[in-house]
Amino acid sequence: MSGLLRTIASRAAPVLRGHTVIQRASLYSNPPKGKVGPMETVIGLSMFSLAILGPSGWILAHLEEYKKKE
């Protein structure tokens, strides 16, 4: 009986799963053409941190104004 169930399951499983998408990554990379300087790194990191922390800092700074109901 278990052999019959295995046969049915092995034939039914691909049908039940449908067509699955096979992902194949083809990554090719080369060394960078130019080096990133320390000043560019500082500017980039500061812009990312400002974009992430800026809105939350604004909300926390004005929290008392948001609490007031007029």
PDB file of N, CA and C in Angstrom:
ATOM      1  N   MET A   1       0.820  -1.196   0.000  1.00  0.00           N
ATOM      2  CA  MET A   1       0.000   0.000   0.000  1.00  0.00           C
ATOM      3  C   MET A   1       0.867   1.265   0.000  1.00  0.00           C
ATOM      4  N   SER A   2       1.980   1.232   0.776  1.00  0.00           N
ATOM      5  CA  SER A   2       2.816   2.428   0.831  1.00  0.00           C
ATOM      6  C   SER A   2       3.503   2.674  -0.517  1.00  0.00           C
ATOM      7  N   GLY A   3       3.806   1.608  -1.243  1.00  0.00           N
ATOM      8  CA  GLY A   3       4.404   1.772  -2.565  1.00  0.00           C
ATOM      9  C   GLY A   3       3.449   2.461  -3.526  1.00  0.00           C
ATOM     10  N   LEU A   4       2.180   2.116  -3.434  1.00  0.00           N
ATOM     11  CA  LEU A   4       1.166   2.735  -4.268  1.00  0.00           C
ATOM     12  C   LEU A   4       1.023   4.220  -3.930  1.00  0.00           C
ATOM     13  N   LEU A   5       1.029   4.553  -2.646  1.00  0.00           N
ATOM     14  CA  LEU A   5       0.925   5.950  -2.235  1.00  0.00           C
ATOM     15  C   LEU A   5       2.126   6.754  -2.701  1.00  0.00           C
ATOM     16  N   ARG A   6       3.316   6.167  -2.626  1.00  0.00           N
ATOM     17  CA  ARG A   6       4.516   6.854  -3.095  1.00  0.00           C
ATOM     18  C   ARG A   6       4.439   7.120  -4.598  1.00  0.00           C
ATOM     19  N   THR A   7       3.941   6.158  -5.350  1.00  0.00           N
ATOM     20  CA  THR A   7       3.813   6.327  -6.794  1.00  0.00           C
ATOM     21  C   THR A   7       2.818   7.443  -7.119  1.00  0.00           C
ATOM     22  N   ILE A   8       1.704   7.435  -6.441  1.00  0.00           N
ATOM     23  CA  ILE A   8       0.691   8.474  -6.682  1.00  0.00           C
ATOM     24  C   ILE A   8       1.232   9.836  -6.265  1.00  0.00           C
ATOM     25  N   ALA A   9       1.896   9.896  -5.124  1.00  0.00           N
ATOM     26  CA  ALA A   9       2.418  11.169  -4.634  1.00  0.00           C
ATOM     27  C   ALA A   9       3.514  11.708  -5.548  1.00  0.00           C
ATOM     28  N   SER A  10       4.363  10.820  -6.063  1.00  0.00           N
ATOM     29  CA  SER A  10       5.447  11.287  -6.928  1.00  0.00           C
ATOM     30  C   SER A  10       4.914  11.807  -8.261  1.00  0.00           C
ATOM     31  N   ARG A  11       3.788  11.282  -8.707  1.00  0.00           N
ATOM     32  CA  ARG A  11       3.204  11.762  -9.959  1.00  0.00           C
ATOM     33  C   ARG A  11       2.298  12.969  -9.743  1.00  0.00           C
ATOM     34  N   ALA A  12       1.671  13.071  -8.568  1.00  0.00           N
ATOM     35  CA  ALA A  12       0.731  14.155  -8.321  1.00  0.00           C
ATOM     36  C   ALA A  12       1.424  15.420  -7.828  1.00  0.00           C
ATOM     37  N   ALA A  13       2.567  15.262  -7.165  1.00  0.00           N
ATOM     38  CA  ALA A  13       3.236  16.426  -6.569  1.00  0.00           C
ATOM     39  C   ALA A  13       3.619  17.487  -7.605  1.00  0.00           C
ATOM     40  N   PRO A  14       4.238  17.146  -8.732  1.00  0.00           N
ATOM     41  CA  PRO A  14       4.558  18.199  -9.711  1.00  0.00           C
ATOM     42  C   PRO A  14       3.319  18.880 -10.282  1.00  0.00           C
ATOM     43  N   VAL A  15       2.239  18.140 -10.429  1.00  0.00           N
ATOM     44  CA  VAL A  15       1.009  18.721 -10.956  1.00  0.00           C
ATOM     45  C   VAL A  15       0.414  19.696  -9.953  1.00  0.00           C
ATOM     46  N   LEU A  16       0.441  19.333  -8.671  1.00  0.00           N
ATOM     47  CA  LEU A  16      -0.122  20.201  -7.643  1.00  0.00           C
ATOM     48  C   LEU A  16       0.719  21.456  -7.434  1.00  0.00           C
ATOM     49  N   ARG A  17       2.009  21.346  -7.591  1.00  0.00           N
ATOM     50  CA  ARG A  17       2.888  22.507  -7.426  1.00  0.00           C
ATOM     51  C   ARG A  17       2.752  23.495  -8.567  1.00  0.00           C
ATOM     52  N   GLY A  18       2.370  23.045  -9.711  1.00  0.00           N
ATOM     53  CA  GLY A  18       2.267  23.927 -10.872  1.00  0.00           C
ATOM     54  C   GLY A  18       3.646  24.152 -11.464  1.00  0.00           C
ATOM     55  N   HIS A  19       3.731  25.148 -12.297  1.00  0.00           N
ATOM     56  CA  HIS A  19       5.001  25.456 -12.925  1.00  0.00           C
ATOM     57  C   HIS A  19       5.797  26.357 -11.995  1.00  0.00           C
ATOM     58  N   THR A  20       6.896  25.869 -11.548  1.00  0.00           N
ATOM     59  CA  THR A  20       7.733  26.670 -10.663  1.00  0.00           C
ATOM     60  C   THR A  20       8.770  27.408 -11.499  1.00  0.00           C
ATOM     61  N   VAL A  21       9.114  28.584 -11.030  1.00  0.00           N
ATOM     62  CA  VAL A  21      10.096  29.405 -11.717  1.00  0.00           C
ATOM     63  C   VAL A  21      11.473  29.019 -11.202  1.00  0.00           C
ATOM     64  N   ILE A  22      12.332  28.687 -12.118  1.00  0.00           N
ATOM     65  CA  ILE A  22      13.705  28.342 -11.749  1.00  0.00           C
ATOM     66  C   ILE A  22      14.544  29.598 -11.892  1.00  0.00           C
ATOM     67  N   GLN A  23      15.140  30.014 -10.788  1.00  0.00           N
ATOM     68  CA  GLN A  23      15.962  31.213 -10.805  1.00  0.00           C
ATOM     69  C   GLN A  23      17.422  30.810 -10.908  1.00  0.00           C
ATOM     70  N   ARG A  24      18.076  31.407 -11.849  1.00  0.00           N
ATOM     71  CA  ARG A  24      19.505  31.162 -12.013  1.00  0.00           C
ATOM     72  C   ARG A  24      20.206  32.503 -12.051  1.00  0.00           C
ATOM     73  N   ALA A  25      21.130  32.660 -11.158  1.00  0.00           N
ATOM     74  CA  ALA A  25      21.851  33.928 -11.097  1.00  0.00           C
ATOM     75  C   ALA A  25      23.073  33.846 -11.991  1.00  0.00           C
ATOM     76  N   SER A  26      23.220  34.853 -12.806  1.00  0.00           N
ATOM     77  CA  SER A  26      24.428  34.929 -13.619  1.00  0.00           C
ATOM     78  C   SER A  26      25.091  36.265 -13.301  1.00  0.00           C
ATOM     79  N   LEU A  27      25.965  36.228 -12.356  1.00  0.00           N
ATOM     80  CA  LEU A  27      26.635  37.435 -11.903  1.00  0.00           C
ATOM     81  C   LEU A  27      28.055  37.454 -12.446  1.00  0.00           C
ATOM     82  N   TYR A  28      28.384  38.538 -13.043  1.00  0.00           N
ATOM     83  CA  TYR A  28      29.742  38.737 -13.513  1.00  0.00           C
ATOM     84  C   TYR A  28      30.190  40.090 -12.987  1.00  0.00           C
ATOM     85  N   SER A  29      31.298  40.112 -12.330  1.00  0.00           N
ATOM     86  CA  SER A  29      31.762  41.391 -11.804  1.00  0.00           C
ATOM     87  C   SER A  29      33.237  41.576 -12.122  1.00  0.00           C
ATOM     88  N   ASN A  30      33.602  42.813 -12.151  1.00  0.00           N
ATOM     89  CA  ASN A  30      34.985  43.199 -12.391  1.00  0.00           C
ATOM     90  C   ASN A  30      35.437  44.076 -11.239  1.00  0.00           C
ATOM     91  N   PRO A  31      36.707  44.282 -11.109  1.00  0.00           N
ATOM     92  CA  PRO A  31      37.165  45.236 -10.100  1.00  0.00           C
ATOM     93  C   PRO A  31      36.650  46.635 -10.431  1.00  0.00           C
ATOM     94  N   PRO A  32      36.462  47.480  -9.420  1.00  0.00           N
ATOM     95  CA  PRO A  32      35.951  48.826  -9.700  1.00  0.00           C
ATOM     96  C   PRO A  32      36.915  49.628 -10.556  1.00  0.00           C
ATOM     97  N   LYS A  33      36.362  50.497 -11.378  1.00  0.00           N
ATOM     98  CA  LYS A  33      37.190  51.319 -12.260  1.00  0.00           C
ATOM     99  C   LYS A  33      37.912  52.412 -11.488  1.00  0.00           C
ATOM    100  N   GLY A  34      37.270  52.943 -10.462  1.00  0.00           N
ATOM    101  CA  GLY A  34      37.885  53.984  -9.650  1.00  0.00           C
ATOM    102  C   GLY A  34      37.610  53.729  -8.183  1.00  0.00           C
ATOM    103  N   LYS A  35      38.520  54.152  -7.325  1.00  0.00           N
ATOM    104  CA  LYS A  35      38.331  53.950  -5.895  1.00  0.00           C
ATOM    105  C   LYS A  35      37.430  55.045  -5.335  1.00  0.00           C
ATOM    106  N   VAL A  36      36.644  54.665  -4.337  1.00  0.00           N
ATOM    107  CA  VAL A  36      35.779  55.617  -3.659  1.00  0.00           C
ATOM    108  C   VAL A  36      36.584  56.214  -2.521  1.00  0.00           C
ATOM    109  N   GLY A  37      36.652  57.537  -2.499  1.00  0.00           N
ATOM    110  CA  GLY A  37      37.441  58.226  -1.494  1.00  0.00           C
ATOM    111  C   GLY A  37      36.741  58.290  -0.149  1.00  0.00           C
ATOM    112  N   PRO A  38      37.478  58.659   0.883  1.00  0.00           N
ATOM    113  CA  PRO A  38      36.882  58.730   2.216  1.00  0.00           C
ATOM    114  C   PRO A  38      35.817  59.822   2.324  1.00  0.00           C
ATOM    115  N   MET A  39      36.000  60.937   1.618  1.00  0.00           N
ATOM    116  CA  MET A  39      35.008  62.007   1.681  1.00  0.00           C
ATOM    117  C   MET A  39      33.703  61.575   1.028  1.00  0.00           C
ATOM    118  N   GLU A  40      33.767  60.854  -0.084  1.00  0.00           N
ATOM    119  CA  GLU A  40      32.561  60.347  -0.728  1.00  0.00           C
ATOM    120  C   GLU A  40      31.846  59.344   0.177  1.00  0.00           C
ATOM    121  N   THR A  41      32.617  58.544   0.891  1.00  0.00           N
ATOM    122  CA  THR A  41      32.035  57.584   1.816  1.00  0.00           C
ATOM    123  C   THR A  41      31.307  58.289   2.951  1.00  0.00           C
ATOM    124  N   VAL A  42      31.926  59.314   3.500  1.00  0.00           N
ATOM    125  CA  VAL A  42      31.310  60.067   4.599  1.00  0.00           C
ATOM    126  C   VAL A  42      30.026  60.740   4.128  1.00  0.00           C
ATOM    127  N   ILE A  43      30.055  61.342   2.966  1.00  0.00           N
ATOM    128  CA  ILE A  43      28.861  62.011   2.434  1.00  0.00           C
ATOM    129  C   ILE A  43      27.750  60.999   2.182  1.00  0.00           C
ATOM    130  N   GLY A  44      28.086  59.873   1.596  1.00  0.00           N
ATOM    131  CA  GLY A  44      27.077  58.843   1.319  1.00  0.00           C
ATOM    132  C   GLY A  44      26.449  58.294   2.586  1.00  0.00           C
ATOM    133  N   LEU A  45      27.271  57.981   3.587  1.00  0.00           N
ATOM    134  CA  LEU A  45      26.735  57.452   4.840  1.00  0.00           C
ATOM    135  C   LEU A  45      25.905  58.488   5.581  1.00  0.00           C
ATOM    136  N   SER A  46      26.328  59.739   5.530  1.00  0.00           N
ATOM    137  CA  SER A  46      25.546  60.769   6.217  1.00  0.00           C
ATOM    138  C   SER A  46      24.201  60.997   5.529  1.00  0.00           C
ATOM    139  N   MET A  47      24.157  60.920   4.217  1.00  0.00           N
ATOM    140  CA  MET A  47      22.887  61.088   3.511  1.00  0.00           C
ATOM    141  C   MET A  47      21.929  59.934   3.810  1.00  0.00           C
ATOM    142  N   PHE A  48      22.446  58.721   3.847  1.00  0.00           N
ATOM    143  CA  PHE A  48      21.597  57.581   4.187  1.00  0.00           C
ATOM    144  C   PHE A  48      21.075  57.697   5.612  1.00  0.00           C
ATOM    145  N   SER A  49      21.934  58.050   6.547  1.00  0.00           N
ATOM    146  CA  SER A  49      21.484  58.161   7.935  1.00  0.00           C
ATOM    147  C   SER A  49      20.495  59.305   8.098  1.00  0.00           C
ATOM    148  N   LEU A  50      20.689  60.407   7.390  1.00  0.00           N
ATOM    149  CA  LEU A  50      19.746  61.518   7.448  1.00  0.00           C
ATOM    150  C   LEU A  50      18.395  61.103   6.865  1.00  0.00           C
ATOM    151  N   ALA A  51      18.419  60.354   5.786  1.00  0.00           N
ATOM    152  CA  ALA A  51      17.168  59.911   5.162  1.00  0.00           C
ATOM    153  C   ALA A  51      16.404  58.942   6.054  1.00  0.00           C
ATOM    154  N   ILE A  52      17.120  58.146   6.839  1.00  0.00           N
ATOM    155  CA  ILE A  52      16.456  57.168   7.694  1.00  0.00           C
ATOM    156  C   ILE A  52      16.078  57.778   9.038  1.00  0.00           C
ATOM    157  N   LEU A  53      16.998  58.507   9.658  1.00  0.00           N
ATOM    158  CA  LEU A  53      16.767  59.023  10.998  1.00  0.00           C
ATOM    159  C   LEU A  53      16.102  60.402  11.019  1.00  0.00           C
ATOM    160  N   GLY A  54      16.138  61.129   9.932  1.00  0.00           N
ATOM    161  CA  GLY A  54      15.581  62.475   9.898  1.00  0.00           C
ATOM    162  C   GLY A  54      14.095  62.539  10.210  1.00  0.00           C
ATOM    163  N   PRO A  55      13.257  61.784   9.503  1.00  0.00           N
ATOM    164  CA  PRO A  55      11.823  61.847   9.790  1.00  0.00           C
ATOM    165  C   PRO A  55      11.460  61.414  11.206  1.00  0.00           C
ATOM    166  N   SER A  56      12.093  60.377  11.711  1.00  0.00           N
ATOM    167  CA  SER A  56      11.782  59.945  13.080  1.00  0.00           C
ATOM    168  C   SER A  56      12.256  60.981  14.094  1.00  0.00           C
ATOM    169  N   GLY A  57      13.377  61.627  13.842  1.00  0.00           N
ATOM    170  CA  GLY A  57      13.840  62.695  14.729  1.00  0.00           C
ATOM    171  C   GLY A  57      12.900  63.874  14.721  1.00  0.00           C
ATOM    172  N   TRP A  58      12.359  64.212  13.553  1.00  0.00           N
ATOM    173  CA  TRP A  58      11.397  65.307  13.447  1.00  0.00           C
ATOM    174  C   TRP A  58      10.147  65.002  14.271  1.00  0.00           C
ATOM    175  N   ILE A  59       9.656  63.787  14.172  1.00  0.00           N
ATOM    176  CA  ILE A  59       8.457  63.401  14.922  1.00  0.00           C
ATOM    177  C   ILE A  59       8.728  63.445  16.418  1.00  0.00           C
ATOM    178  N   LEU A  60       9.869  62.923  16.851  1.00  0.00           N
ATOM    179  CA  LEU A  60      10.190  62.942  18.276  1.00  0.00           C
ATOM    180  C   LEU A  60      10.391  64.363  18.788  1.00  0.00           C
ATOM    181  N   ALA A  61      10.940  65.244  17.982  1.00  0.00           N
ATOM    182  CA  ALA A  61      11.146  66.623  18.404  1.00  0.00           C
ATOM    183  C   ALA A  61       9.830  67.380  18.536  1.00  0.00           C
ATOM    184  N   HIS A  62       8.839  67.023  17.760  1.00  0.00           N
ATOM    185  CA  HIS A  62       7.551  67.706  17.788  1.00  0.00           C
ATOM    186  C   HIS A  62       6.446  66.851  18.396  1.00  0.00           C
ATOM    187  N   LEU A  63       6.806  65.917  19.251  1.00  0.00           N
ATOM    188  CA  LEU A  63       5.838  64.988  19.824  1.00  0.00           C
ATOM    189  C   LEU A  63       4.800  65.698  20.677  1.00  0.00           C
ATOM    190  N   GLU A  64       5.207  66.701  21.437  1.00  0.00           N
ATOM    191  CA  GLU A  64       4.262  67.427  22.284  1.00  0.00           C
ATOM    192  C   GLU A  64       3.218  68.160  21.450  1.00  0.00           C
ATOM    193  N   GLU A  65       3.602  68.663  20.295  1.00  0.00           N
ATOM    194  CA  GLU A  65       2.641  69.334  19.424  1.00  0.00           C
ATOM    195  C   GLU A  65       1.634  68.351  18.856  1.00  0.00           C
ATOM    196  N   TYR A  66       2.089  67.120  18.579  1.00  0.00           N
ATOM    197  CA  TYR A  66       1.189  66.111  18.043  1.00  0.00           C
ATOM    198  C   TYR A  66       0.204  65.609  19.100  1.00  0.00           C
ATOM    199  N   LYS A  67       0.597  65.672  20.374  1.00  0.00           N
ATOM    200  CA  LYS A  67      -0.267  65.192  21.450  1.00  0.00           C
ATOM    201  C   LYS A  67      -1.429  66.145  21.719  1.00  0.00           C
ATOM    202  N   LYS A  68      -1.231  67.438  21.445  1.00  0.00           N
ATOM    203  CA  LYS A  68      -2.262  68.440  21.720  1.00  0.00           C
ATOM    204  C   LYS A  68      -3.436  68.271  20.746  1.00  0.00           C
ATOM    205  N   LYS A  69      -4.614  68.309  21.318  1.00  0.00           N
ATOM    206  CA  LYS A  69      -5.824  68.267  20.481  1.00  0.00           C
ATOM    207  C   LYS A  69      -6.458  69.632  20.538  1.00  0.00           C
ATOM    208  N   GLU A  70      -6.718  70.196  19.421  1.00  0.00           N
ATOM    209  CA  GLU A  70      -7.328  71.525  19.383  1.00  0.00           C
ATOM    210  C   GLU A  70      -8.721  71.475  18.862  1.00  0.00           C
TER     211      GLU A  70
END
